[in-house]
Amino acid sequence: MPGDGALPLNNGPDSFGLEIRGTPTEVYVVVAVLAMGGFFVALYLFAHNLGLTGPIVCGVGDCATVQASQYAKIGPIPVSLIGLLGYVVLLLLSFVGLQPNHRGSKLIGGLLLFGSLGGSLFSAYLTYLEAFVIEAWCQYCVISAILITLIFLASIPEAMRLRQGSS
């Protein structure tokens, strides 16, 4: 954002011919907004897992089948709790990255990038289970998969910043 003290990432095309633009501030704001959306989706699913919401409301798909499947938990831990904690971590990292003394931090950028990559891969696995094993779709799971993928895509400028050796 203009005047935020961060240098934009745009040194022309990289070795792959890609030109990626964005300041750390822009990346962190986008990640924060998306992570907040993911937080509320995961919170609803976790509240359902705890029995706090009654029957799950699902306008599209068959959320009840997905949430009742053996794949809705890893051991005793609901997958929704894993998602909830993941979104909290990404949200906190983006808030820290917005602080003037951490703006452009390679550590924060790397954690965002690799955290969102891990979340995207885990979400892809869960989407595979929905499609080919459970054979049912949960609209909230699909929304979460889209959000974590968008967070990963929004974090890609951080990979370029890490490659360029910016601090």
Foldseek 3Di string as FASTA:
>chain_A
DPPLPFDWQAPAADPVRDGDTDFLLRLLVLLLVLLVVQLVLLVLLVCVVVVNPPDDDAPDKDQVLLCPDPVQADVPHGVSVVSNVLSVVSNVLSVVCSDSVNPLPLVSLVCQQVSLVVVLVVLVVSVCCCVPPSNIDGPSSVSSNVSSVVSNVSSVVSVVSVVVVTD
